[in-house]
PDB file of all heavy atoms in Angstrom:
ATOM      1  N   VAL A   1      23.529   5.578  22.910  1.00  0.00           N
ATOM      2  CA  VAL A   1      22.775   6.633  23.586  1.00  0.00           C
ATOM      3  C   VAL A   1      21.295   6.545  23.219  1.00  0.00           C
ATOM      4  O   VAL A   1      20.427   6.530  24.087  1.00  0.00           O
ATOM      5  CB  VAL A   1      23.346   8.037  23.258  1.00  0.00           C
ATOM      6  CG1 VAL A   1      22.403   9.142  23.704  1.00  0.00           C
ATOM      7  CG2 VAL A   1      24.719   8.209  23.877  1.00  0.00           C
ATOM      8  N   PHE A   2      21.002   6.469  21.924  1.00  0.00           N
ATOM      9  CA  PHE A   2      19.610   6.396  21.477  1.00  0.00           C
ATOM     10  C   PHE A   2      18.927   5.135  22.008  1.00  0.00           C
ATOM     11  O   PHE A   2      17.790   5.185  22.472  1.00  0.00           O
ATOM     12  CB  PHE A   2      19.515   6.439  19.946  1.00  0.00           C
ATOM     13  CG  PHE A   2      19.513   7.826  19.418  1.00  0.00           C
ATOM     14  CD1 PHE A   2      20.691   8.408  18.958  1.00  0.00           C
ATOM     15  CD2 PHE A   2      18.358   8.578  19.376  1.00  0.00           C
ATOM     16  CE1 PHE A   2      20.709   9.691  18.470  1.00  0.00           C
ATOM     17  CE2 PHE A   2      18.356   9.870  18.891  1.00  0.00           C
ATOM     18  CZ  PHE A   2      19.540  10.437  18.440  1.00  0.00           C
ATOM     19  N   GLU A   3      19.598   4.012  21.930  1.00  0.00           N
ATOM     20  CA  GLU A   3      18.990   2.755  22.349  1.00  0.00           C
ATOM     21  C   GLU A   3      18.841   2.673  23.866  1.00  0.00           C
ATOM     22  O   GLU A   3      17.971   1.962  24.350  1.00  0.00           O
ATOM     23  CB  GLU A   3      19.791   1.579  21.796  1.00  0.00           C
ATOM     24  CG  GLU A   3      19.662   1.467  20.300  1.00  0.00           C
ATOM     25  CD  GLU A   3      20.579   0.439  19.656  1.00  0.00           C
ATOM     26  OE1 GLU A   3      21.284  -0.278  20.392  1.00  0.00           O
ATOM     27  OE2 GLU A   3      20.598   0.367  18.417  1.00  0.00           O
ATOM     28  N   THR A   4      19.637   3.397  24.612  1.00  0.00           N
ATOM     29  CA  THR A   4      19.480   3.462  26.061  1.00  0.00           C
ATOM     30  C   THR A   4      18.262   4.310  26.421  1.00  0.00           C
ATOM     31  O   THR A   4      17.472   3.947  27.283  1.00  0.00           O
ATOM     32  CB  THR A   4      20.746   4.033  26.732  1.00  0.00           C
ATOM     33  OG1 THR A   4      21.848   3.174  26.408  1.00  0.00           O
ATOM     34  CG2 THR A   4      20.586   4.131  28.233  1.00  0.00           C
ATOM     35  N   MET A   5      18.107   5.428  25.724  1.00  0.00           N
ATOM     36  CA  MET A   5      16.964   6.310  25.981  1.00  0.00           C
ATOM     37  C   MET A   5      15.659   5.709  25.470  1.00  0.00           C
ATOM     38  O   MET A   5      14.604   5.968  26.024  1.00  0.00           O
ATOM     39  CB  MET A   5      17.197   7.680  25.321  1.00  0.00           C
ATOM     40  CG  MET A   5      18.325   8.452  25.923  1.00  0.00           C
ATOM     41  SD  MET A   5      18.608  10.113  25.236  1.00  0.00           S
ATOM     42  CE  MET A   5      17.952  10.093  23.610  1.00  0.00           C
ATOM     43  N   GLU A   6      15.736   4.928  24.425  1.00  0.00           N
ATOM     44  CA  GLU A   6      14.556   4.345  23.769  1.00  0.00           C
ATOM     45  C   GLU A   6      14.751   2.829  23.710  1.00  0.00           C
ATOM     46  O   GLU A   6      15.299   2.303  22.743  1.00  0.00           O
ATOM     47  CB  GLU A   6      14.403   4.902  22.348  1.00  0.00           C
ATOM     48  CG  GLU A   6      14.327   6.408  22.256  1.00  0.00           C
ATOM     49  CD  GLU A   6      12.956   6.941  22.632  1.00  0.00           C
ATOM     50  OE1 GLU A   6      12.085   6.182  23.064  1.00  0.00           O
ATOM     51  OE2 GLU A   6      12.758   8.166  22.501  1.00  0.00           O
ATOM     52  N   PRO A   7      14.307   2.087  24.716  1.00  0.00           N
ATOM     53  CA  PRO A   7      14.641   0.658  24.806  1.00  0.00           C
ATOM     54  C   PRO A   7      14.118  -0.217  23.661  1.00  0.00           C
ATOM     55  O   PRO A   7      14.668  -1.296  23.440  1.00  0.00           O
ATOM     56  CB  PRO A   7      14.038   0.223  26.147  1.00  0.00           C
ATOM     57  CG  PRO A   7      13.207   1.335  26.611  1.00  0.00           C
ATOM     58  CD  PRO A   7      13.566   2.572  25.872  1.00  0.00           C
ATOM     59  N   PHE A   8      13.111   0.217  22.931  1.00  0.00           N
ATOM     60  CA  PHE A   8      12.579  -0.593  21.831  1.00  0.00           C
ATOM     61  C   PHE A   8      13.038  -0.095  20.453  1.00  0.00           C
ATOM     62  O   PHE A   8      12.627  -0.618  19.422  1.00  0.00           O
ATOM     63  CB  PHE A   8      11.049  -0.637  21.890  1.00  0.00           C
ATOM     64  CG  PHE A   8      10.545  -1.159  23.200  1.00  0.00           C
ATOM     65  CD1 PHE A   8       9.901  -0.315  24.101  1.00  0.00           C
ATOM     66  CD2 PHE A   8      10.742  -2.493  23.548  1.00  0.00           C
ATOM     67  CE1 PHE A   8       9.456  -0.802  25.324  1.00  0.00           C
ATOM     68  CE2 PHE A   8      10.305  -2.980  24.766  1.00  0.00           C
ATOM     69  CZ  PHE A   8       9.653  -2.134  25.655  1.00  0.00           C
ATOM     70  N   LEU A   9      13.883   0.929  20.451  1.00  0.00           N
ATOM     71  CA  LEU A   9      14.317   1.534  19.194  1.00  0.00           C
ATOM     72  C   LEU A   9      15.147   0.591  18.342  1.00  0.00           C
ATOM     73  O   LEU A   9      14.959   0.548  17.113  1.00  0.00           O
ATOM     74  CB  LEU A   9      15.077   2.835  19.461  1.00  0.00           C
ATOM     75  CG  LEU A   9      15.561   3.607  18.235  1.00  0.00           C
ATOM     76  CD1 LEU A   9      14.401   3.943  17.300  1.00  0.00           C
ATOM     77  CD2 LEU A   9      16.285   4.878  18.671  1.00  0.00           C
ATOM     78  N   ALA A  10      16.039  -0.177  18.922  1.00  0.00           N
ATOM     79  CA  ALA A  10      16.878  -1.085  18.118  1.00  0.00           C
ATOM     80  C   ALA A  10      16.025  -2.045  17.315  1.00  0.00           C
ATOM     81  O   ALA A  10      16.257  -2.245  16.116  1.00  0.00           O
ATOM     82  CB  ALA A  10      17.849  -1.855  19.019  1.00  0.00           C
ATOM     83  N   ASP A  11      15.013  -2.622  17.948  1.00  0.00           N
ATOM     84  CA  ASP A  11      14.089  -3.513  17.246  1.00  0.00           C
ATOM     85  C   ASP A  11      13.341  -2.768  16.145  1.00  0.00           C
ATOM     86  O   ASP A  11      13.176  -3.262  15.037  1.00  0.00           O
ATOM     87  CB  ASP A  11      13.112  -4.146  18.233  1.00  0.00           C
ATOM     88  CG  ASP A  11      12.103  -5.015  17.521  1.00  0.00           C
ATOM     89  OD1 ASP A  11      12.507  -6.072  16.976  1.00  0.00           O
ATOM     90  OD2 ASP A  11      10.908  -4.639  17.470  1.00  0.00           O
ATOM     91  N   PHE A  12      12.887  -1.565  16.453  1.00  0.00           N
ATOM     92  CA  PHE A  12      12.144  -0.780  15.458  1.00  0.00           C
ATOM     93  C   PHE A  12      13.034  -0.432  14.272  1.00  0.00           C
ATOM     94  O   PHE A  12      12.600  -0.508  13.121  1.00  0.00           O
ATOM     95  CB  PHE A  12      11.584   0.487  16.111  1.00  0.00           C
ATOM     96  CG  PHE A  12      10.752   1.310  15.170  1.00  0.00           C
ATOM     97  CD1 PHE A  12       9.490   0.873  14.778  1.00  0.00           C
ATOM     98  CD2 PHE A  12      11.228   2.498  14.661  1.00  0.00           C
ATOM     99  CE1 PHE A  12       8.723   1.622  13.898  1.00  0.00           C
ATOM    100  CE2 PHE A  12      10.470   3.258  13.795  1.00  0.00           C
ATOM    101  CZ  PHE A  12       9.211   2.816  13.402  1.00  0.00           C
ATOM    102  N   TRP A  13      14.280  -0.043  14.527  1.00  0.00           N
ATOM    103  CA  TRP A  13      15.205   0.277  13.448  1.00  0.00           C
ATOM    104  C   TRP A  13      15.374  -0.907  12.497  1.00  0.00           C
ATOM    105  O   TRP A  13      15.527  -0.720  11.304  1.00  0.00           O
ATOM    106  CB  TRP A  13      16.568   0.650  14.005  1.00  0.00           C
ATOM    107  CG  TRP A  13      16.774   2.122  14.239  1.00  0.00           C
ATOM    108  CD1 TRP A  13      16.110   3.157  13.652  1.00  0.00           C
ATOM    109  CD2 TRP A  13      17.729   2.711  15.117  1.00  0.00           C
ATOM    110  NE1 TRP A  13      16.592   4.350  14.114  1.00  0.00           N
ATOM    111  CE2 TRP A  13      17.592   4.113  15.006  1.00  0.00           C
ATOM    112  CE3 TRP A  13      18.687   2.198  15.963  1.00  0.00           C
ATOM    113  CZ2 TRP A  13      18.383   5.005  15.721  1.00  0.00           C
ATOM    114  CZ3 TRP A  13      19.473   3.094  16.679  1.00  0.00           C
ATOM    115  CH2 TRP A  13      19.320   4.481  16.562  1.00  0.00           C
ATOM    116  N   GLU A  14      15.386  -2.094  13.033  1.00  0.00           N
ATOM    117  CA  GLU A  14      15.617  -3.293  12.215  1.00  0.00           C
ATOM    118  C   GLU A  14      14.336  -3.864  11.605  1.00  0.00           C
ATOM    119  O   GLU A  14      14.393  -4.747  10.760  1.00  0.00           O
ATOM    120  CB  GLU A  14      16.302  -4.376  13.053  1.00  0.00           C
ATOM    121  CG  GLU A  14      17.683  -3.970  13.554  1.00  0.00           C
ATOM    122  CD  GLU A  14      18.687  -3.710  12.458  1.00  0.00           C
ATOM    123  OE1 GLU A  14      18.595  -4.329  11.375  1.00  0.00           O
ATOM    124  OE2 GLU A  14      19.598  -2.880  12.672  1.00  0.00           O
ATOM    125  N   SER A  15      13.187  -3.355  12.013  1.00  0.00           N
ATOM    126  CA  SER A  15      11.921  -3.925  11.532  1.00  0.00           C
ATOM    127  C   SER A  15      11.617  -3.469  10.101  1.00  0.00           C
ATOM    128  O   SER A  15      12.075  -2.422   9.656  1.00  0.00           O
ATOM    129  CB  SER A  15      10.778  -3.521  12.465  1.00  0.00           C
ATOM    130  OG  SER A  15      10.503  -2.140  12.340  1.00  0.00           O
ATOM    131  N   ASP A  16      10.809  -4.261   9.434  1.00  0.00           N
ATOM    132  CA  ASP A  16      10.285  -3.911   8.118  1.00  0.00           C
ATOM    133  C   ASP A  16       8.851  -3.469   8.330  1.00  0.00           C
ATOM    134  O   ASP A  16       7.924  -4.279   8.344  1.00  0.00           O
ATOM    135  CB  ASP A  16      10.364  -5.116   7.178  1.00  0.00           C
ATOM    136  CG  ASP A  16       9.891  -4.788   5.771  1.00  0.00           C
ATOM    137  OD1 ASP A  16       9.203  -3.767   5.562  1.00  0.00           O
ATOM    138  OD2 ASP A  16      10.214  -5.582   4.861  1.00  0.00           O
ATOM    139  N   LEU A  17       8.669  -2.181   8.537  1.00  0.00           N
ATOM    140  CA  LEU A  17       7.373  -1.640   8.888  1.00  0.00           C
ATOM    141  C   LEU A  17       6.308  -1.910   7.826  1.00  0.00           C
ATOM    142  O   LEU A  17       5.157  -2.212   8.156  1.00  0.00           O
ATOM    143  CB  LEU A  17       7.495  -0.137   9.162  1.00  0.00           C
ATOM    144  CG  LEU A  17       6.303   0.555   9.793  1.00  0.00           C
ATOM    145  CD1 LEU A  17       5.870  -0.132  11.078  1.00  0.00           C
ATOM    146  CD2 LEU A  17       6.632   2.010  10.064  1.00  0.00           C
ATOM    147  N   LEU A  18       6.688  -1.827   6.569  1.00  0.00           N
ATOM    148  CA  LEU A  18       5.713  -2.103   5.506  1.00  0.00           C
ATOM    149  C   LEU A  18       5.269  -3.564   5.526  1.00  0.00           C
ATOM    150  O   LEU A  18       4.087  -3.852   5.319  1.00  0.00           O
ATOM    151  CB  LEU A  18       6.286  -1.727   4.136  1.00  0.00           C
ATOM    152  CG  LEU A  18       6.566  -0.230   3.947  1.00  0.00           C
ATOM    153  CD1 LEU A  18       7.211   0.019   2.598  1.00  0.00           C
ATOM    154  CD2 LEU A  18       5.301   0.580   4.121  1.00  0.00           C
ATOM    155  N   ALA A  19       6.166  -4.467   5.809  1.00  0.00           N
ATOM    156  CA  ALA A  19       5.799  -5.881   5.926  1.00  0.00           C
ATOM    157  C   ALA A  19       4.867  -6.080   7.113  1.00  0.00           C
ATOM    158  O   ALA A  19       3.867  -6.818   7.018  1.00  0.00           O
ATOM    159  CB  ALA A  19       7.044  -6.762   6.059  1.00  0.00           C
ATOM    160  N   GLU A  20       5.169  -5.429   8.227  1.00  0.00           N
ATOM    161  CA  GLU A  20       4.297  -5.530   9.405  1.00  0.00           C
ATOM    162  C   GLU A  20       2.896  -5.005   9.099  1.00  0.00           C
ATOM    163  O   GLU A  20       1.897  -5.597   9.508  1.00  0.00           O
ATOM    164  CB  GLU A  20       4.904  -4.765  10.583  1.00  0.00           C
ATOM    165  CG  GLU A  20       6.137  -5.411  11.172  1.00  0.00           C
ATOM    166  CD  GLU A  20       6.706  -4.643  12.355  1.00  0.00           C
ATOM    167  OE1 GLU A  20       5.959  -3.890  13.022  1.00  0.00           O
ATOM    168  OE2 GLU A  20       7.910  -4.801  12.629  1.00  0.00           O
ATOM    169  N   LEU A  21       2.839  -3.883   8.403  1.00  0.00           N
ATOM    170  CA  LEU A  21       1.540  -3.311   8.017  1.00  0.00           C
ATOM    171  C   LEU A  21       0.768  -4.258   7.110  1.00  0.00           C
ATOM    172  O   LEU A  21      -0.445  -4.434   7.274  1.00  0.00           O
ATOM    173  CB  LEU A  21       1.732  -1.964   7.322  1.00  0.00           C
ATOM    174  CG  LEU A  21       1.940  -0.785   8.234  1.00  0.00           C
ATOM    175  CD1 LEU A  21       2.548   0.379   7.477  1.00  0.00           C
ATOM    176  CD2 LEU A  21       0.638  -0.378   8.893  1.00  0.00           C
ATOM    177  N   ASN A  22       1.467  -4.847   6.155  1.00  0.00           N
ATOM    178  CA  ASN A  22       0.793  -5.779   5.238  1.00  0.00           C
ATOM    179  C   ASN A  22       0.247  -7.001   5.964  1.00  0.00           C
ATOM    180  O   ASN A  22      -0.837  -7.483   5.633  1.00  0.00           O
ATOM    181  CB  ASN A  22       1.719  -6.184   4.098  1.00  0.00           C
ATOM    182  CG  ASN A  22       1.773  -5.118   3.025  1.00  0.00           C
ATOM    183  OD1 ASN A  22       0.740  -4.656   2.562  1.00  0.00           O
ATOM    184  ND2 ASN A  22       2.960  -4.717   2.649  1.00  0.00           N
ATOM    185  N   ILE A  23       0.965  -7.495   6.948  1.00  0.00           N
ATOM    186  CA  ILE A  23       0.465  -8.632   7.737  1.00  0.00           C
ATOM    187  C   ILE A  23      -0.833  -8.247   8.445  1.00  0.00           C
ATOM    188  O   ILE A  23      -1.835  -8.966   8.380  1.00  0.00           O
ATOM    189  CB  ILE A  23       1.528  -9.096   8.754  1.00  0.00           C
ATOM    190  CG1 ILE A  23       2.688  -9.780   8.036  1.00  0.00           C
ATOM    191  CG2 ILE A  23       0.913 -10.023   9.806  1.00  0.00           C
ATOM    192  CD1 ILE A  23       3.904 -10.011   8.906  1.00  0.00           C
ATOM    193  N   GLN A  24      -0.836  -7.097   9.094  1.00  0.00           N
ATOM    194  CA  GLN A  24      -2.033  -6.663   9.814  1.00  0.00           C
ATOM    195  C   GLN A  24      -3.197  -6.361   8.864  1.00  0.00           C
ATOM    196  O   GLN A  24      -4.350  -6.674   9.169  1.00  0.00           O
ATOM    197  CB  GLN A  24      -1.722  -5.435  10.693  1.00  0.00           C
ATOM    198  CG  GLN A  24      -0.728  -5.715  11.796  1.00  0.00           C
ATOM    199  CD  GLN A  24      -1.132  -6.876  12.668  1.00  0.00           C
ATOM    200  OE1 GLN A  24      -2.296  -7.038  13.043  1.00  0.00           O
ATOM    201  NE2 GLN A  24      -0.182  -7.745  12.991  1.00  0.00           N
ATOM    202  N   ALA A  25      -2.906  -5.778   7.724  1.00  0.00           N
ATOM    203  CA  ALA A  25      -3.951  -5.507   6.733  1.00  0.00           C
ATOM    204  C   ALA A  25      -4.546  -6.810   6.208  1.00  0.00           C
ATOM    205  O   ALA A  25      -5.774  -6.940   6.101  1.00  0.00           O
ATOM    206  CB  ALA A  25      -3.393  -4.669   5.588  1.00  0.00           C
ATOM    207  N   ASN A  26      -3.688  -7.782   5.885  1.00  0.00           N
ATOM    208  CA  ASN A  26      -4.168  -9.079   5.391  1.00  0.00           C
ATOM    209  C   ASN A  26      -5.084  -9.759   6.404  1.00  0.00           C
ATOM    210  O   ASN A  26      -6.069 -10.398   6.024  1.00  0.00           O
ATOM    211  CB  ASN A  26      -2.999  -9.992   5.036  1.00  0.00           C
ATOM    212  CG  ASN A  26      -2.313  -9.570   3.765  1.00  0.00           C
ATOM    213  OD1 ASN A  26      -2.902  -8.921   2.905  1.00  0.00           O
ATOM    214  ND2 ASN A  26      -1.049  -9.921   3.634  1.00  0.00           N
ATOM    215  N   LEU A  27      -4.764  -9.652   7.680  1.00  0.00           N
ATOM    216  CA  LEU A  27      -5.603 -10.237   8.735  1.00  0.00           C
ATOM    217  C   LEU A  27      -7.004  -9.625   8.753  1.00  0.00           C
ATOM    218  O   LEU A  27      -7.959 -10.259   9.205  1.00  0.00           O
ATOM    219  CB  LEU A  27      -4.939 -10.091  10.099  1.00  0.00           C
ATOM    220  CG  LEU A  27      -3.688 -10.935  10.325  1.00  0.00           C
ATOM    221  CD1 LEU A  27      -3.004 -10.555  11.644  1.00  0.00           C
ATOM    222  CD2 LEU A  27      -4.039 -12.425  10.323  1.00  0.00           C
ATOM    223  N   GLN A  28      -7.109  -8.402   8.251  1.00  0.00           N
ATOM    224  CA  GLN A  28      -8.410  -7.720   8.193  1.00  0.00           C
ATOM    225  C   GLN A  28      -9.017  -7.765   6.794  1.00  0.00           C
ATOM    226  O   GLN A  28     -10.042  -7.135   6.529  1.00  0.00           O
ATOM    227  CB  GLN A  28      -8.250  -6.259   8.623  1.00  0.00           C
ATOM    228  CG  GLN A  28      -7.811  -6.088  10.059  1.00  0.00           C
ATOM    229  CD  GLN A  28      -7.658  -4.648  10.457  1.00  0.00           C
ATOM    230  OE1 GLN A  28      -8.365  -3.754   9.967  1.00  0.00           O
ATOM    231  NE2 GLN A  28      -6.751  -4.376  11.383  1.00  0.00           N
ATOM    232  N   GLY A  29      -8.387  -8.519   5.886  1.00  0.00           N
ATOM    233  CA  GLY A  29      -8.888  -8.590   4.515  1.00  0.00           C
ATOM    234  C   GLY A  29      -8.723  -7.297   3.756  1.00  0.00           C
ATOM    235  O   GLY A  29      -9.503  -6.982   2.861  1.00  0.00           O
ATOM    236  N   ARG A  30      -7.678  -6.556   4.073  1.00  0.00           N
ATOM    237  CA  ARG A  30      -7.442  -5.250   3.456  1.00  0.00           C
ATOM    238  C   ARG A  30      -6.041  -5.222   2.860  1.00  0.00           C
ATOM    239  O   ARG A  30      -5.243  -6.125   3.062  1.00  0.00           O
ATOM    240  CB  ARG A  30      -7.611  -4.145   4.503  1.00  0.00           C
ATOM    241  CG  ARG A  30      -8.997  -4.218   5.165  1.00  0.00           C
ATOM    242  CD  ARG A  30      -9.177  -3.189   6.217  1.00  0.00           C
ATOM    243  NE  ARG A  30      -9.548  -1.939   5.562  1.00  0.00           N
ATOM    244  CZ  ARG A  30      -9.649  -0.782   6.188  1.00  0.00           C
ATOM    245  NH1 ARG A  30      -9.392  -0.702   7.476  1.00  0.00           N
ATOM    246  NH2 ARG A  30      -9.995   0.300   5.544  1.00  0.00           N
ATOM    247  N   THR A  31      -5.759  -4.150   2.145  1.00  0.00           N
ATOM    248  CA  THR A  31      -4.426  -3.956   1.592  1.00  0.00           C
ATOM    249  C   THR A  31      -3.918  -2.566   1.970  1.00  0.00           C
ATOM    250  O   THR A  31      -4.703  -1.657   2.249  1.00  0.00           O
ATOM    251  CB  THR A  31      -4.389  -4.090   0.052  1.00  0.00           C
ATOM    252  OG1 THR A  31      -5.251  -3.108  -0.512  1.00  0.00           O
ATOM    253  CG2 THR A  31      -4.811  -5.477  -0.392  1.00  0.00           C
TER     254      THR A  31
END
């Protein structure tokens, strides 16, 4: 039900948000 209503939710649930943030911060020379 949730994944039907929110088509990108399954990917988001499985993502490592802190790792994604660190990648983007590193690209900007930040932490």
